[in-house]
């Protein structure tokens, strides 16, 4: 599972809160240590072609 979390304090706090939630911790990907935090700036497609849906 890939999770995008911005670097600002509010986003980080929200992610920490999520990580403590029992429902989150019960997900198979979480239990299997298969959650990967990625940088949204690298994953958001903001180039002209992606924005046009080409």
Protein backbone atom coordinates (compact mmCIF):
# COMPACT_ATOMS: atom_id res chain seq x y z
CA UNK A 1 0.00 0.00 0.00
CA UNK A 2 1.28 3.47 -0.85
CA UNK A 3 0.40 6.40 1.39
CA UNK A 4 1.09 10.01 0.44
CA UNK A 5 1.76 12.30 3.37
CA UNK A 6 2.77 15.93 2.96
CA UNK A 7 5.58 17.27 5.15
CA UNK A 8 3.49 19.85 6.99
CA UNK A 9 2.72 19.33 10.67
CA UNK A 10 -1.03 18.86 10.20
CA UNK A 11 -0.55 16.10 7.60
CA UNK A 12 2.07 14.35 9.71
CA UNK A 13 -0.16 14.55 12.79
CA UNK A 14 -3.08 13.10 10.82
CA UNK A 15 -0.93 10.23 9.61
CA UNK A 16 0.29 9.51 13.14
CA UNK A 17 -3.32 9.48 14.36
CA UNK A 18 -4.27 7.12 11.53
CA UNK A 19 -1.37 4.81 12.34
CA UNK A 20 -2.68 4.43 15.90
CA UNK A 21 -6.23 3.55 14.81
CA UNK A 22 -7.13 -0.11 15.47
CA UNK A 23 -8.92 -0.41 12.12
CA UNK A 24 -5.80 0.80 10.29
CA UNK A 25 -3.58 -1.53 12.29
CA UNK A 26 -5.83 -4.44 11.35
CA UNK A 27 -5.34 -3.99 7.60
CA UNK A 28 -3.41 -6.85 6.03
CA UNK A 29 -0.88 -4.50 4.39
CA UNK A 30 -0.20 -2.82 7.72
CA UNK A 31 0.13 -6.10 9.59
CA UNK A 32 2.52 -7.36 6.88
CA UNK A 33 4.60 -4.18 7.03
CA UNK A 34 3.73 -3.40 3.41
CA UNK A 35 2.81 0.27 3.80
CA UNK A 36 5.15 2.62 2.00
CA UNK A 37 5.07 6.33 2.64
CA UNK A 38 5.80 8.26 -0.54
CA UNK A 39 6.52 11.90 -1.30
CA UNK A 40 3.39 13.44 -2.90
CA UNK A 41 5.53 15.90 -4.86
CA UNK A 42 7.04 13.00 -6.77
CA UNK A 43 3.80 11.05 -7.25
CA UNK A 44 1.29 13.73 -8.20
CA UNK A 45 1.14 13.97 -11.95
CA UNK A 46 1.22 17.71 -12.57
CA UNK A 47 2.78 17.73 -16.00
CA UNK A 48 0.76 18.97 -18.98
CA UNK A 49 0.11 15.51 -20.41
CA UNK A 50 -1.17 14.03 -17.15
CA UNK A 51 -3.42 17.00 -16.46
CA UNK A 52 -4.98 16.62 -19.91
CA UNK A 53 -5.51 12.90 -19.37
CA UNK A 54 -3.35 11.96 -22.36
